[in-house]
Protein backbone atom coordinates (compact mmCIF):
# COMPACT_ATOMS: atom_id res chain seq x y z
CA MET A 1 0.06 -0.01 0.16
CA TYR A 2 1.15 3.47 -0.90
CA SER A 3 2.57 5.63 2.23
CA PRO A 4 2.25 9.32 1.52
CA THR A 5 5.39 10.07 3.44
CA THR A 6 7.32 8.63 0.97
CA HIS A 7 6.73 11.02 -1.73
CA SER A 8 7.02 14.83 -2.38
CA TYR A 9 7.18 16.72 -5.43
CA ALA A 10 10.71 17.47 -4.93
CA THR A 11 11.54 13.81 -4.55
CA LEU A 12 9.75 12.86 -7.80
CA SER A 13 11.68 12.07 -11.11
CA THR A 14 11.95 14.70 -13.70
CA THR A 15 9.63 12.67 -15.95
CA THR A 16 6.91 12.70 -13.04
CA LYS A 17 7.56 16.13 -12.37
CA HIS A 18 6.94 16.90 -16.11
CA ARG A 19 3.55 14.85 -15.94
CA CYS A 20 2.69 16.78 -12.68
CA ASP A 21 3.36 20.09 -14.68
CA ARG A 22 1.51 18.86 -17.68
CA GLY A 23 -1.64 18.02 -15.37
CA ARG A 24 -1.49 21.27 -13.92
CA ALA A 25 -1.64 23.24 -17.49
CA PHE A 26 -4.40 21.01 -18.46
CA PHE A 27 -6.54 21.56 -15.73
CA THR A 28 -5.99 25.15 -16.05
CA LYS A 29 -6.68 25.06 -19.74
CA HIS A 30 -9.69 22.64 -19.51
CA SER A 31 -11.35 23.44 -15.98
CA PHE A 32 -14.72 24.14 -17.64
CA GLN A 33 -15.03 20.79 -19.31
CA LEU A 34 -13.61 18.88 -16.18
CA VAL A 35 -15.96 20.83 -13.90
CA LEU A 36 -18.90 19.68 -16.44
CA ALA A 37 -17.80 16.33 -16.17
CA TRP A 38 -17.46 16.07 -12.53
CA HIS A 39 -21.15 17.40 -12.13
CA SER A 40 -22.40 14.70 -14.61
CA SER A 41 -20.35 12.17 -12.44
CA ILE A 42 -22.08 13.31 -9.48
CA THR A 43 -25.46 13.17 -10.72
CA ILE A 44 -24.70 9.37 -12.02
CA GLY A 45 -23.03 8.67 -8.65
CA PHE A 46 -26.51 9.37 -6.84
CA SER A 47 -27.67 6.06 -8.66
CA LEU A 48 -25.17 3.89 -6.81
CA ASN A 49 -26.71 2.70 -3.72
CA ASN A 50 -23.30 2.63 -1.47
CA LEU A 51 -22.70 6.15 -2.45
CA LEU A 52 -26.21 7.54 -2.12
CA THR A 53 -26.27 5.87 1.15
CA ALA A 54 -23.21 7.57 2.39
CA LEU A 55 -24.54 10.99 1.14
CA VAL A 56 -28.00 10.56 2.58
CA PHE A 57 -26.37 9.27 6.18
CA THR A 58 -24.25 12.52 6.36
CA ASN A 59 -27.27 14.75 5.80
CA ASN A 60 -24.76 17.37 4.03
CA SER A 61 -26.61 17.27 0.68
CA GLY A 62 -30.31 17.12 1.95
CA THR A 63 -31.23 20.84 0.79
CA PRO A 64 -30.61 22.64 -2.34
CA LYS A 65 -28.29 25.17 -0.15
CA LYS A 66 -26.29 22.18 1.68
CA ALA A 67 -26.02 20.53 -1.54
CA LEU A 68 -24.51 23.35 -3.28
CA ALA A 69 -22.29 24.12 -0.28
CA ARG A 70 -20.98 20.56 -0.55
CA TYR A 71 -20.10 20.46 -3.95
CA VAL A 72 -18.60 23.90 -4.30
CA ARG A 73 -16.26 22.51 -1.40
CA THR A 74 -15.83 19.22 -3.43
CA PHE A 75 -14.79 21.46 -6.55
CA ALA A 76 -12.40 23.48 -4.27
CA PHE A 77 -10.88 20.30 -3.03
CA LEU A 78 -10.73 18.86 -6.73
CA ALA A 79 -9.00 22.17 -7.90
CA GLU A 80 -6.53 22.22 -5.09
CA TRP A 81 -5.42 18.56 -6.10
CA HIS A 82 -4.89 19.49 -9.87
CA LEU A 83 -3.22 22.84 -9.34
CA GLY A 84 -1.06 22.24 -5.95
CA ASP A 85 1.43 19.64 -4.54
CA VAL A 86 -0.61 16.71 -3.26
CA TRP A 87 2.60 15.07 -2.07
CA ASP A 88 4.29 17.70 -0.01
CA ALA A 89 2.99 18.70 3.64
CA ALA A 90 5.46 21.60 3.39
CA SER A 91 4.21 22.97 -0.03
CA PRO A 92 2.78 26.38 -0.21
CA SER A 93 -0.38 24.96 -1.62
CA ASP A 94 -3.26 23.49 0.31
CA ALA A 95 -3.52 20.29 -1.91
CA TYR A 96 -1.65 17.92 0.73
CA SER A 97 -3.65 19.34 3.55
CA SER A 98 -7.14 19.08 1.74
CA VAL A 99 -6.16 15.43 0.58
CA ALA A 100 -5.85 14.72 4.42
CA THR A 101 -8.96 16.56 5.22
CA VAL A 102 -10.80 14.35 2.65
CA ARG A 103 -9.58 11.22 4.14
CA SER A 104 -10.41 12.17 7.45
CA LEU A 105 -14.02 13.02 6.55
CA HIS A 106 -14.39 9.73 4.83
CA ARG A 107 -12.73 7.94 7.83
CA ALA A 108 -15.07 9.60 10.15
CA VAL A 109 -17.99 8.95 7.98
CA ARG A 110 -17.24 5.27 7.34
CA SER A 111 -16.72 4.85 11.29
CA ALA A 112 -20.12 6.38 11.97
CA MET A 113 -21.88 4.22 9.33
CA ASP A 114 -20.27 1.05 10.63
CA LYS A 115 -21.54 1.92 14.07
CA SER A 116 -25.03 3.17 12.88
CA MET A 117 -25.58 0.35 10.31
CA PRO A 118 -23.28 -2.71 11.22
CA GLY A 119 -23.09 -5.81 9.10
CA LYS A 120 -21.88 -4.04 5.92
CA ARG A 121 -18.58 -2.67 5.01
CA TRP A 122 -19.07 1.18 4.15
CA MET A 123 -16.88 3.34 1.97
CA THR A 124 -14.48 0.64 1.04
CA MET A 125 -11.58 0.90 -1.43
CA TYR A 126 -13.85 -0.43 -4.11
CA ASP A 127 -16.17 2.42 -3.37
CA MET A 128 -13.38 4.78 -3.56
CA ALA A 129 -12.30 3.59 -6.89
CA LEU A 130 -16.15 4.10 -8.05
CA VAL A 131 -15.76 7.62 -6.90
CA GLN A 132 -12.43 8.10 -8.78
CA THR A 133 -13.86 6.43 -11.92
CA GLY A 134 -17.01 8.37 -11.50
CA PHE A 135 -15.00 11.75 -11.28
CA MET A 136 -12.78 11.01 -14.38
CA GLY A 137 -13.84 7.72 -16.16
CA ALA A 138 -16.39 9.63 -18.58
CA ILE A 139 -14.20 12.43 -19.75
CA THR A 140 -11.24 9.95 -19.85
CA ILE A 141 -13.33 7.63 -22.17
CA GLU A 142 -15.16 10.01 -24.26
CA PRO A 143 -13.68 13.55 -23.75
CA SER A 144 -15.32 14.92 -26.59
CA GLY A 145 -18.75 14.30 -25.13
CA PHE A 146 -17.73 17.24 -22.62
CA GLY A 147 -16.02 19.65 -25.43
CA LEU A 148 -12.67 18.28 -24.85
CA HIS A 149 -10.49 17.39 -27.88
CA VAL A 150 -7.54 15.36 -27.11
CA THR A 151 -5.66 12.60 -28.49
CA GLN A 152 -5.66 9.11 -26.75
CA VAL A 153 -1.76 9.76 -26.05
CA HIS A 154 -2.82 13.04 -24.09
CA ARG A 155 -5.35 11.01 -22.66
CA LYS A 156 -3.00 8.51 -21.09
CA GLY A 157 -0.18 11.26 -20.56
CA VAL A 158 -2.51 13.86 -18.64
CA ILE A 159 -5.71 12.76 -17.54
CA VAL A 160 -5.07 9.26 -16.54
CA GLN A 161 -1.63 9.86 -15.13
CA ALA A 162 -3.16 12.77 -12.84
CA ARG A 163 -6.00 10.40 -11.42
CA LYS A 164 -3.36 7.51 -10.67
CA ARG A 165 -1.46 10.00 -8.67
CA HIS A 166 -4.32 11.70 -6.80
CA GLY A 167 -5.87 8.19 -6.24
CA GLN A 168 -2.52 7.11 -4.96
CA ARG A 169 -2.11 9.95 -2.72
CA ARG A 170 -5.97 9.23 -1.16
CA GLY A 171 -5.05 5.57 -0.39
CA LEU A 172 -6.00 3.85 -3.60
CA GLY A 173 -3.01 0.99 -4.37
CA SER A 174 -2.71 -0.19 -7.70
CA SER A 175 -4.76 -3.18 -7.20
CA GLU A 176 -7.70 -0.89 -6.50
CA HIS A 177 -7.26 1.86 -8.88
CA PRO A 178 -9.38 1.84 -11.98
CA CYS A 179 -6.89 3.80 -14.12
CA TYR A 180 -4.48 0.71 -13.96
CA SER A 181 -6.49 -1.29 -16.05
CA CYS A 182 -7.64 1.39 -18.73
CA SER A 183 -8.33 -0.27 -22.02
CA PHE A 184 -6.30 2.06 -23.86
CA TYR A 185 -3.27 1.20 -21.79
């Protein structure tokens, strides 16, 4: 399993740093298309029982005002992860701490759900991989559907690599990560 203390942007290889920088540039240039894909993914995610159950359980999306606040916050986290350094706690960006915050939130919800609804595993690595796939699956597989016109090489080199790094930082190992078995690899 990945350990977040073993990586920082400063210790990454030149090739990996280049990929990170390309990912940041890609996000900056295509943020509208990515936000559109994320919004679509969230909407589709409501049809998945495990994900919907967690959302209902937290009661953080129960009204339009709460839902808006939650998803604006989600976008802020995603933007931080794409623009900042998710690897380095000493980084001037908030990316590292926002990943830690999200992991802590997920852990707290999982623990509360386990206590309140025993007998089932909640918010598993499989569920986290579903979320990861939801956020980036559609735009990775069919980017033109979101107004994003990139080559397959660009998808592999930027979109998929960014998702691998972000998933890894959030605790997804290669065996759980959906981007390790993408059909165009």
